[in-house]
Amino acid sequence: EKFRVNDQREKSYSSQRSVTATKTDTALVDVPQAISVVTRELIDDQAMHSIGDVTRYVPGAGLAQGEGNRDTPVLRGNATTADFFVDGVRDDAQYFRDSYNVLQIEALKGANALAFGRGGGGGVINRVMKQAEWTPTRSGRLQSGSYDERRVAIDVGQGLTSQLAARVNALHKRSGSYRDFVSHEKSGVSPTVALHAGNTMLRAGVEHFVDTRTVDRGIPSANGRPSALDWRTFVGDPEQNRSTMTVNGAHLLAEYDNSRGLTLRTHTRAVRYDKFYQNVFASSAVNAAGTQVTLGAYSTAADRRSLFNQSDLVYTARYGALRHTLLTGTEFSRQTTDNVRLTGYFDNVSTSRTVPLTGTAGATPVTFRASATDADNLAVVNVAAVFAQEQLHLGEHVQFVLGARYDRFAVRVRNHRTDAVTQRVDYLLSPRGGVVFTPLRTLSMYGSIGISSLPSAGDQIGRASCRERVCQYV
């Protein structure tokens, strides 16, 4: 009798380590925080293309509609449009993210301002991106589905020399919908390179991503429940309900390791987000007779430019049964956002229009112009932060995590309509403490406390009001 031996490893849907939660390479059982990691293998096998697909596999996470134009996960009851990160760097614009160039997605629950800064009271979602490696990569995925869905993605890379590697990920997708008049199209390309020289690793890459779609706000409610409209019915104006997002970004990561426990990293990322969003939508529930609904309309445009630099120094050492990892670092960032909002006027007269429930698609002409209260401003946010963290292992079963972050958060908003300037500077102290007991390598118990601060204008800077900060505790 013959036996066939297969020495290939089975696909793994689990990840054992992460850099996201502590900014150091740490086993997940040693992280004093709830963290869910969705690996590339699971993303591919389940055909996950969006944050919405991923959150179905994350305990404690849900998804809101996001007005048909953005990711809005709900983490431990906190809805957010800004608690997104790319390799630990803020990615806070409002759009739908794709997984074509993602290695894995990590969802942390609870506050962790030491690693991420402002926001994140309910948690954060961090995308770990694919990078150039020396192992040859040749893959392509072609998908066809209902409603004329067509998607193609490629991933090609290899080492060019013993010191230089390159990789390219690319995507194009077009699709209709089970909903009348709804379609969307997106494309992206993300080339990366890596250079290994002695104890230093340099990684760089760029991304160009465009997403264009029909804005679909769904059907209105009736008596506290979804109305009896046919589920295909489009409410609004399919000619004017549209959203376009263009993302152009570049990053440079340099890491030096002296092979004696000292590692120095600096990560710079520059991104420009150009977003336009316009919609006509049901602004009321269906009337008591079940015959009419009221429509409203508005449009927004946001041009955000972000520049981030994070520098970390990590030192690890062992003294008998004691093992410690000391992290110190800084973060500097500047974000400028031009915000413009216009109100929709039906027949160029009224900001609302009551229409028959059976005639809600393209019911009346709509023009968009500025009202007296519509935003037209330039918001500038400058952040300077310093942080330190100690991970102290007492033997094999007990670990303490202690640290703090101190931010100078300065926001300045100029109202272009009135030329008024509102500004504020906050100094935010974010301590963190945790203890982890690991009786087995596959089991850990922990307790932790942390503080996360949310700016007074909310997670999307652009309003001219400033109030005291809001702190959330876990």
Protein backbone atom coordinates (compact mmCIF):
# COMPACT_ATOMS: atom_id res chain seq x y z
CA GLU A 1 0.00 0.00 0.00
CA LYS A 2 1.36 3.40 -0.99
CA PHE A 3 1.00 6.65 0.88
CA ARG A 4 1.36 10.13 -0.56
CA VAL A 5 3.09 12.70 1.67
CA ASN A 6 2.23 16.34 1.18
CA ASP A 7 4.72 18.64 2.87
CA GLN A 8 2.79 21.81 2.01
CA ARG A 9 1.30 23.71 4.90
CA GLU A 10 -2.45 24.03 5.15
CA LYS A 11 -3.95 27.44 4.69
CA SER A 12 -4.11 29.35 7.93
CA TYR A 13 -7.06 31.52 8.84
CA SER A 14 -5.36 32.59 12.05
CA SER A 15 -2.49 34.93 12.79
CA GLN A 16 -0.31 34.54 15.86
CA ARG A 17 1.42 37.91 16.00
CA SER A 18 0.71 41.59 15.35
CA VAL A 19 2.47 44.95 15.42
CA THR A 20 -0.74 46.98 15.45
CA ALA A 21 -1.80 46.97 19.11
CA THR A 22 1.56 47.64 20.77
CA LYS A 23 3.64 49.00 17.85
CA THR A 24 6.04 46.14 18.56
CA ASP A 25 6.09 42.60 17.19
CA THR A 26 3.96 40.90 19.85
CA ALA A 27 2.19 37.56 20.13
CA LEU A 28 -1.58 38.08 20.18
CA VAL A 29 -1.88 36.22 23.48
CA ASP A 30 0.38 38.89 25.02
CA VAL A 31 -1.77 41.83 23.89
CA PRO A 32 -3.96 43.24 26.71
CA GLN A 33 -6.74 44.12 24.30
CA ALA A 34 -9.36 42.36 22.19
CA ILE A 35 -8.04 42.05 18.64
CA SER A 36 -9.38 40.16 15.62
CA VAL A 37 -7.15 39.45 12.64
CA VAL A 38 -8.63 38.60 9.25
CA THR A 39 -5.87 36.99 7.20
CA ARG A 40 -5.27 37.13 3.46
CA GLU A 41 -6.22 33.45 3.17
CA LEU A 42 -9.65 34.11 4.64
CA ILE A 43 -10.07 37.28 2.58
CA ASP A 44 -9.37 35.33 -0.61
CA ASP A 45 -11.43 32.25 0.21
CA GLN A 46 -14.47 34.28 1.29
CA ALA A 47 -14.02 36.83 -1.55
CA MET A 48 -13.98 39.73 0.90
CA HIS A 49 -13.63 42.95 -1.03
CA SER A 50 -14.69 45.58 1.48
CA ILE A 51 -14.62 46.57 5.14
CA GLY A 52 -18.26 45.50 5.29
CA ASP A 53 -17.30 41.98 4.20
CA VAL A 54 -14.56 41.82 6.83
CA THR A 55 -16.65 43.04 9.77
CA ARG A 56 -18.96 40.04 9.40
CA TYR A 57 -16.07 38.00 10.82
CA VAL A 58 -15.19 40.41 13.65
CA PRO A 59 -16.93 39.94 17.02
CA GLY A 60 -18.15 43.20 18.52
CA ALA A 61 -18.28 44.93 15.13
CA GLY A 62 -21.18 45.84 12.88
CA LEU A 63 -21.74 48.11 9.93
CA ALA A 64 -23.95 51.16 9.38
CA GLN A 65 -25.08 52.32 5.94
CA GLY A 66 -22.82 55.36 5.80
CA GLU A 67 -25.29 57.26 3.59
CA GLY A 68 -24.25 55.10 0.67
CA ASN A 69 -20.80 56.65 0.29
CA ARG A 70 -18.44 55.53 3.06
CA ASP A 71 -17.37 52.79 5.44
CA THR A 72 -19.09 53.24 8.81
CA PRO A 73 -18.25 50.34 11.11
CA VAL A 74 -19.77 50.18 14.57
CA LEU A 75 -17.14 49.01 17.07
CA ARG A 76 -18.50 48.16 20.50
CA GLY A 77 -21.48 50.43 19.86
CA ASN A 78 -19.41 53.37 18.58
CA ALA A 79 -20.02 54.30 14.94
CA THR A 80 -17.02 55.83 13.21
CA THR A 81 -15.95 57.14 9.81
CA ALA A 82 -12.38 58.03 10.79
CA ASP A 83 -10.88 55.27 12.95
CA PHE A 84 -9.11 53.63 10.02
CA PHE A 85 -5.38 53.13 9.65
CA VAL A 86 -2.95 51.88 7.02
CA ASP A 87 0.09 50.14 8.52
CA GLY A 88 -0.59 52.08 11.71
CA VAL A 89 -0.94 55.49 9.98
CA ARG A 90 -4.23 57.39 9.99
CA ASP A 91 -6.54 56.93 6.98
CA ASP A 92 -9.51 59.03 8.07
CA ALA A 93 -11.22 60.18 4.87
CA GLN A 94 -14.78 59.04 4.11
CA TYR A 95 -14.82 56.38 1.38
CA PHE A 96 -15.23 52.69 0.69
CA ARG A 97 -11.91 50.85 1.07
CA ASP A 98 -11.01 47.80 -1.02
CA SER A 99 -8.92 44.79 -0.04
CA TYR A 100 -7.06 44.21 -3.32
CA ASN A 101 -3.67 45.26 -1.90
CA VAL A 102 -4.25 44.18 1.71
CA LEU A 103 -2.22 41.48 3.47
CA GLN A 104 -4.49 41.31 6.51
CA ILE A 105 -7.00 43.47 8.39
CA GLU A 106 -6.82 43.90 12.14
CA ALA A 107 -9.71 45.17 14.25
CA LEU A 108 -8.90 46.33 17.77
CA LYS A 109 -11.70 46.87 20.23
CA GLY A 110 -11.46 49.48 22.96
CA ALA A 111 -9.41 52.61 23.43
CA ASN A 112 -5.74 52.62 22.43
CA ALA A 113 -4.65 56.22 22.02
CA LEU A 114 -1.05 55.38 22.85
CA ALA A 115 -0.68 53.64 19.50
CA PHE A 116 -3.17 55.61 17.41
CA GLY A 117 -3.76 59.02 18.93
CA ARG A 118 -7.14 60.73 18.86
CA GLY A 119 -10.45 58.93 18.41
CA GLY A 120 -10.83 55.19 18.55
CA GLY A 121 -13.03 55.04 21.65
CA GLY A 122 -14.75 51.91 20.37
CA GLY A 123 -11.71 50.61 18.53
CA VAL A 124 -9.88 50.96 15.23
CA ILE A 125 -9.47 49.04 11.97
CA ASN A 126 -5.94 48.76 10.62
CA ARG A 127 -5.13 47.53 7.13
CA VAL A 128 -1.74 45.85 6.83
CA MET A 129 -0.74 46.34 3.22
CA LYS A 130 1.09 44.01 0.86
CA GLN A 131 4.74 44.95 0.37
CA ALA A 132 7.46 43.91 -2.04
CA GLU A 133 9.16 40.65 -0.99
CA TRP A 134 11.84 38.41 -2.47
CA THR A 135 9.55 35.38 -2.67
CA PRO A 136 8.04 35.23 -6.19
CA THR A 137 4.35 36.11 -6.31
CA ARG A 138 2.14 35.39 -9.30
CA SER A 139 -1.60 35.52 -8.76
CA GLY A 140 -4.69 36.78 -10.47
CA ARG A 141 -8.37 36.61 -9.63
CA LEU A 142 -11.22 37.01 -12.11
CA GLN A 143 -14.72 37.20 -10.71
CA SER A 144 -18.07 37.37 -12.43
CA GLY A 145 -21.37 37.59 -10.64
CA SER A 146 -24.97 38.69 -10.70
CA TYR A 147 -26.02 42.10 -11.96
CA ASP A 148 -23.14 42.30 -14.48
CA GLU A 149 -20.45 42.18 -11.83
CA ARG A 150 -16.93 41.92 -13.28
CA ARG A 151 -13.81 42.09 -11.13
CA VAL A 152 -10.17 41.42 -11.97
CA ALA A 153 -7.23 41.71 -9.59
CA ILE A 154 -3.55 40.85 -10.08
CA ASP A 155 -0.64 40.50 -7.67
CA VAL A 156 2.83 40.16 -9.23
CA GLY A 157 6.17 40.49 -7.50
CA GLN A 158 9.62 39.03 -6.98
CA GLY A 159 13.20 39.81 -6.05
CA LEU A 160 15.00 41.61 -8.85
CA THR A 161 18.41 41.25 -7.20
CA SER A 162 19.59 39.97 -3.83
CA GLN A 163 18.96 43.46 -2.45
CA LEU A 164 16.03 44.79 -4.50
CA ALA A 165 12.44 43.50 -4.79
CA ALA A 166 9.32 44.85 -6.47
CA ARG A 167 5.60 44.10 -6.45
CA VAL A 168 2.48 45.41 -8.17
CA ASN A 169 -1.16 44.98 -7.13
CA ALA A 170 -3.90 46.18 -9.45
CA LEU A 171 -7.70 46.11 -9.54
CA HIS A 172 -10.63 46.96 -11.77
CA LYS A 173 -14.28 46.30 -11.02
CA ARG A 174 -17.66 47.21 -12.50
CA SER A 175 -21.01 46.12 -11.15
CA GLY A 176 -24.70 46.77 -11.20
CA SER A 177 -27.04 46.02 -8.29
CA TYR A 178 -30.27 44.31 -7.34
CA ARG A 179 -31.47 47.88 -6.75
CA ASP A 180 -32.83 49.85 -9.72
CA PHE A 181 -30.44 52.36 -11.36
CA VAL A 182 -27.53 51.53 -9.02
CA SER A 183 -24.02 50.81 -10.32
CA HIS A 184 -20.44 51.38 -9.33
CA GLU A 185 -16.94 51.18 -10.77
CA LYS A 186 -13.53 51.27 -9.14
CA SER A 187 -9.91 50.76 -10.05
CA GLY A 188 -6.61 50.84 -8.25
CA VAL A 189 -2.92 50.23 -8.73
CA SER A 190 -0.30 49.95 -6.00
CA PRO A 191 3.37 49.31 -6.90
CA THR A 192 5.88 48.82 -4.06
CA VAL A 193 9.65 48.30 -3.85
CA ALA A 194 11.99 47.08 -1.12
CA LEU A 195 15.74 47.61 -0.74
CA HIS A 196 17.79 45.59 1.76
CA ALA A 197 21.21 47.04 2.55
CA GLY A 198 23.04 45.54 5.50
CA ASN A 199 21.04 46.16 8.68
CA THR A 200 18.70 48.60 6.95
CA MET A 201 15.46 47.87 5.11
CA LEU A 202 13.83 50.52 2.93
CA ARG A 203 10.28 50.10 1.66
CA ALA A 204 8.42 52.52 -0.60
CA GLY A 205 5.23 52.53 -2.60
CA VAL A 206 2.46 54.57 -4.18
CA GLU A 207 -1.25 54.02 -4.74
CA HIS A 208 -3.82 55.44 -7.11
CA PHE A 209 -7.40 54.45 -6.34
CA VAL A 210 -10.67 55.72 -7.86
CA ASP A 211 -14.20 54.77 -6.77
CA THR A 212 -17.28 56.05 -8.62
CA ARG A 213 -20.77 54.91 -7.65
CA THR A 214 -24.46 55.71 -7.53
CA VAL A 215 -25.41 56.95 -4.09
CA ASP A 216 -28.18 54.69 -2.77
CA ARG A 217 -29.79 55.65 0.54
CA GLY A 218 -32.23 52.74 0.55
CA ILE A 219 -35.97 52.85 1.10
CA PRO A 220 -37.72 55.06 3.70
CA SER A 221 -39.30 53.80 6.89
CA ALA A 222 -42.99 53.60 7.72
CA ASN A 223 -44.36 53.42 11.26
CA GLY A 224 -40.94 52.62 12.66
CA ARG A 225 -40.23 49.81 10.20
CA PRO A 226 -39.02 49.55 6.58
CA SER A 227 -41.79 50.63 4.25
CA ALA A 228 -43.64 48.25 1.96
CA LEU A 229 -41.92 49.61 -1.14
CA ASP A 230 -40.54 47.04 -3.53
CA TRP A 231 -36.94 46.32 -2.47
CA ARG A 232 -35.71 47.35 -5.91
CA THR A 233 -37.22 50.83 -5.74
CA PHE A 234 -34.70 53.67 -5.97
CA VAL A 235 -35.57 56.73 -3.88
CA GLY A 236 -33.87 59.88 -5.15
CA ASP A 237 -32.53 60.95 -8.52
CA PRO A 238 -30.27 58.36 -10.19
CA GLU A 239 -28.87 61.05 -12.50
CA GLN A 240 -27.74 63.21 -9.58
CA ASN A 241 -27.06 60.67 -6.83
CA ARG A 242 -23.38 60.04 -7.36
CA SER A 243 -20.16 59.80 -5.42
CA THR A 244 -16.56 59.93 -6.64
CA MET A 245 -13.45 59.37 -4.56
CA THR A 246 -9.84 59.63 -5.77
CA VAL A 247 -6.99 58.58 -3.48
CA ASN A 248 -3.36 59.29 -4.36
CA GLY A 249 -0.83 58.24 -1.76
CA ALA A 250 2.84 57.47 -1.24
CA HIS A 251 4.79 55.99 1.66
CA LEU A 252 8.41 55.46 2.70
CA LEU A 253 9.44 53.16 5.55
CA ALA A 254 13.01 52.85 6.79
CA GLU A 255 13.97 50.30 9.45
CA TYR A 256 17.38 49.77 11.02
CA ASP A 257 18.09 46.70 13.19
CA ASN A 258 21.49 46.37 14.83
CA SER A 259 20.88 42.67 15.60
CA ARG A 260 21.48 43.34 19.30
CA GLY A 261 17.96 44.25 20.34
CA LEU A 262 17.79 47.81 19.00
CA THR A 263 15.44 48.73 16.16
CA LEU A 264 14.79 52.19 14.72
CA ARG A 265 11.87 52.79 12.35
CA THR A 266 10.59 55.87 10.60
CA HIS A 267 7.45 55.83 8.49
CA THR A 268 6.31 58.73 6.29
CA ARG A 269 3.02 58.71 4.41
CA ALA A 270 1.51 61.43 2.21
CA VAL A 271 -2.05 61.08 0.90
CA ARG A 272 -4.50 63.25 -0.99
CA TYR A 273 -8.21 62.42 -0.88
CA ASP A 274 -10.51 64.15 -3.38
CA LYS A 275 -14.16 63.39 -2.60
CA PHE A 276 -17.43 64.52 -4.18
CA TYR A 277 -20.81 63.34 -2.90
CA GLN A 278 -24.27 64.38 -4.06
CA ASN A 279 -27.63 62.87 -3.20
CA VAL A 280 -31.39 63.25 -3.30
CA PHE A 281 -32.91 61.15 -0.53
CA ALA A 282 -35.98 60.46 1.59
CA SER A 283 -35.78 63.02 4.40
CA SER A 284 -38.88 61.73 6.18
CA ALA A 285 -40.74 58.54 6.88
CA VAL A 286 -43.67 57.56 4.69
CA ASN A 287 -46.81 59.46 5.73
CA ALA A 288 -49.54 57.81 7.80
CA ALA A 289 -51.64 57.07 4.71
CA GLY A 290 -48.71 55.25 3.12
CA THR A 291 -48.91 57.31 -0.05
CA GLN A 292 -46.24 60.05 0.13
CA VAL A 293 -42.69 60.74 1.27
CA THR A 294 -40.63 63.93 1.56
CA LEU A 295 -37.35 64.34 -0.33
CA GLY A 296 -34.31 66.44 0.58
CA ALA A 297 -30.99 66.96 -1.19
CA TYR A 298 -27.45 68.17 -0.60
CA SER A 299 -23.92 67.77 -1.94
CA THR A 300 -20.49 67.91 -0.33
CA ALA A 301 -16.96 68.19 -1.65
CA ALA A 302 -13.85 67.57 0.43
CA ASP A 303 -10.22 67.85 -0.60
CA ARG A 304 -7.99 66.49 2.17
CA ARG A 305 -4.20 66.40 2.12
CA SER A 306 -2.44 64.48 4.87
CA LEU A 307 1.23 64.18 5.75
CA PHE A 308 2.31 61.87 8.58
CA ASN A 309 5.63 60.88 10.07
CA GLN A 310 6.02 58.26 12.79
CA SER A 311 9.39 57.36 14.31
CA ASP A 312 9.83 54.47 16.78
CA LEU A 313 12.81 53.25 18.77
CA VAL A 314 12.44 49.72 20.17
CA TYR A 315 14.90 48.12 22.59
CA THR A 316 14.56 44.54 23.79
CA ALA A 317 16.66 42.81 26.43
CA ARG A 318 16.58 39.83 28.77
CA TYR A 319 17.89 39.63 32.35
CA GLY A 320 17.42 36.11 33.61
CA ALA A 321 13.69 35.51 33.95
CA LEU A 322 12.95 39.16 33.13
CA ARG A 323 12.39 40.21 29.55
CA HIS A 324 11.44 43.71 28.53
CA THR A 325 10.61 45.64 25.39
CA LEU A 326 10.89 49.42 25.60
CA LEU A 327 9.21 51.54 22.93
CA THR A 328 9.68 55.27 22.53
CA GLY A 329 8.53 57.35 19.61
CA THR A 330 7.15 60.49 18.06
CA GLU A 331 4.44 61.37 15.59
CA PHE A 332 4.04 64.54 13.59
CA SER A 333 1.23 65.21 11.16
CA ARG A 334 -0.45 67.97 9.19
CA GLN A 335 -3.86 67.68 7.55
CA THR A 336 -5.61 70.34 5.49
CA THR A 337 -9.20 69.88 4.38
CA ASP A 338 -11.28 72.09 2.08
CA ASN A 339 -14.96 71.45 2.86
CA VAL A 340 -17.86 72.75 0.72
CA ARG A 341 -21.51 71.85 1.20
CA LEU A 342 -24.41 72.86 -1.07
CA THR A 343 -28.15 72.51 -0.46
CA GLY A 344 -30.47 71.03 -3.06
CA TYR A 345 -33.43 73.17 -4.16
CA PHE A 346 -36.37 71.49 -5.87
CA ASP A 347 -37.54 73.51 -8.87
CA ASN A 348 -34.85 75.96 -7.69
CA VAL A 349 -37.23 77.10 -4.91
CA SER A 350 -37.76 74.69 -2.01
CA THR A 351 -35.35 72.58 0.04
CA SER A 352 -37.87 69.75 0.29
CA ARG A 353 -40.56 68.21 -1.89
CA THR A 354 -43.36 65.78 -1.02
CA VAL A 355 -43.85 63.22 -3.78
CA PRO A 356 -46.05 60.15 -4.33
CA LEU A 357 -44.49 57.00 -3.00
CA THR A 358 -44.71 55.41 -6.44
CA GLY A 359 -42.80 58.23 -8.16
CA THR A 360 -39.68 58.70 -6.06
CA ALA A 361 -36.96 58.27 -8.71
CA GLY A 362 -36.09 61.52 -10.47
CA ALA A 363 -39.33 63.06 -9.32
CA THR A 364 -38.46 66.76 -9.73
CA PRO A 365 -35.57 68.91 -11.01
CA VAL A 366 -32.97 69.74 -8.34
CA THR A 367 -30.33 72.45 -8.37
CA PHE A 368 -27.55 72.79 -5.80
CA ARG A 369 -26.38 76.08 -4.35
CA ALA A 370 -25.07 77.44 -1.07
CA SER A 371 -27.50 78.29 1.68
CA ALA A 372 -26.69 80.67 4.51
CA THR A 373 -25.60 77.88 6.84
CA ASP A 374 -23.77 75.60 4.41
CA ALA A 375 -20.11 74.95 5.19
CA ASP A 376 -17.35 76.45 3.10
CA ASN A 377 -14.16 76.27 5.09
CA LEU A 378 -10.54 75.28 5.29
CA ALA A 379 -9.56 73.17 8.29
CA VAL A 380 -5.92 72.70 9.26
CA VAL A 381 -4.90 70.18 11.92
CA ASN A 382 -1.34 69.95 13.25
CA VAL A 383 -0.41 67.19 15.68
CA ALA A 384 2.84 66.62 17.54
CA ALA A 385 3.03 63.62 19.86
CA VAL A 386 5.55 61.72 21.95
CA PHE A 387 4.95 58.33 23.54
CA ALA A 388 6.66 55.61 25.55
CA GLN A 389 5.68 52.06 26.45
CA GLU A 390 7.23 49.26 28.49
CA GLN A 391 6.33 45.57 28.03
CA LEU A 392 7.78 43.74 31.00
CA HIS A 393 7.65 39.94 31.14
CA LEU A 394 8.05 38.36 34.57
CA GLY A 395 8.92 34.83 33.63
CA GLU A 396 6.77 33.02 31.09
CA HIS A 397 3.32 33.69 32.47
CA VAL A 398 2.98 37.32 33.60
CA GLN A 399 3.40 40.49 31.58
CA PHE A 400 2.81 44.17 32.35
CA VAL A 401 2.20 46.82 29.70
CA LEU A 402 2.60 50.42 30.85
CA GLY A 403 2.87 53.59 28.82
CA ALA A 404 1.58 57.02 27.95
CA ARG A 405 1.23 59.36 25.00
CA TYR A 406 1.17 63.15 25.01
CA ASP A 407 -0.33 65.02 22.06
CA ARG A 408 -0.43 68.65 21.09
CA PHE A 409 -3.53 68.86 18.93
CA ALA A 410 -4.01 72.20 17.14
CA VAL A 411 -6.99 72.87 14.86
CA ARG A 412 -7.64 76.04 12.86
CA VAL A 413 -10.79 76.54 10.75
CA ARG A 414 -11.31 79.45 8.36
CA ASN A 415 -14.87 80.11 7.24
CA HIS A 416 -14.64 81.27 3.62
CA ARG A 417 -18.15 82.74 3.72
CA THR A 418 -17.47 85.08 6.64
CA ASP A 419 -13.64 85.01 6.72
CA ALA A 420 -13.93 84.18 10.44
CA VAL A 421 -11.21 82.03 11.99
CA THR A 422 -11.77 79.60 14.85
CA GLN A 423 -8.83 77.85 16.44
CA ARG A 424 -8.01 75.79 19.46
CA VAL A 425 -5.06 73.90 20.94
CA ASP A 426 -5.55 70.87 23.20
CA TYR A 427 -2.91 68.96 25.14
CA LEU A 428 -3.99 65.35 25.47
CA LEU A 429 -2.46 62.89 27.89
CA SER A 430 -3.33 59.26 27.09
CA PRO A 431 -2.01 56.74 29.62
CA ARG A 432 -2.32 53.01 29.17
CA GLY A 433 -1.88 50.11 31.56
CA GLY A 434 -2.42 46.40 31.28
CA VAL A 435 -1.55 43.08 32.85
CA VAL A 436 -1.58 39.75 31.02
CA PHE A 437 -1.59 36.34 32.66
CA THR A 438 -0.74 33.48 30.30
CA PRO A 439 -1.14 30.10 31.98
CA LEU A 440 -0.84 28.39 28.58
CA ARG A 441 0.64 29.59 25.30
CA THR A 442 -2.84 29.31 23.77
CA LEU A 443 -4.68 31.02 26.63
CA SER A 444 -4.35 34.45 28.21
CA MET A 445 -6.33 36.58 30.62
CA TYR A 446 -5.85 40.32 30.84
CA GLY A 447 -7.05 43.55 32.38
CA SER A 448 -6.35 46.96 30.92
CA ILE A 449 -7.25 50.63 31.12
CA GLY A 450 -6.77 53.36 28.54
CA ILE A 451 -8.00 56.79 27.55
CA SER A 452 -8.95 57.94 24.07
CA SER A 453 -9.79 61.58 23.26
CA LEU A 454 -12.10 62.71 20.48
CA PRO A 455 -11.80 66.27 19.08
CA SER A 456 -14.69 68.63 19.76
CA ALA A 457 -15.65 68.75 16.07
CA GLY A 458 -16.08 64.99 15.93
CA ASP A 459 -14.01 62.49 13.99
CA GLN A 460 -14.20 64.53 10.78
CA ILE A 461 -12.58 67.94 11.33
CA GLY A 462 -14.39 70.70 9.48
CA ARG A 463 -16.83 72.48 11.76
CA ALA A 464 -16.00 75.80 13.38
CA SER A 465 -17.25 74.94 16.85
CA CYS A 466 -14.90 73.96 19.66
CA ARG A 467 -15.95 72.41 22.92
CA GLU A 468 -14.22 70.48 25.65
CA ARG A 469 -12.78 67.14 24.67
CA VAL A 470 -14.72 63.91 25.15
CA CYS A 471 -12.85 61.03 26.76
CA GLN A 472 -13.87 57.40 26.58
CA TYR A 473 -12.65 54.76 29.00
CA VAL A 474 -12.39 50.98 28.88
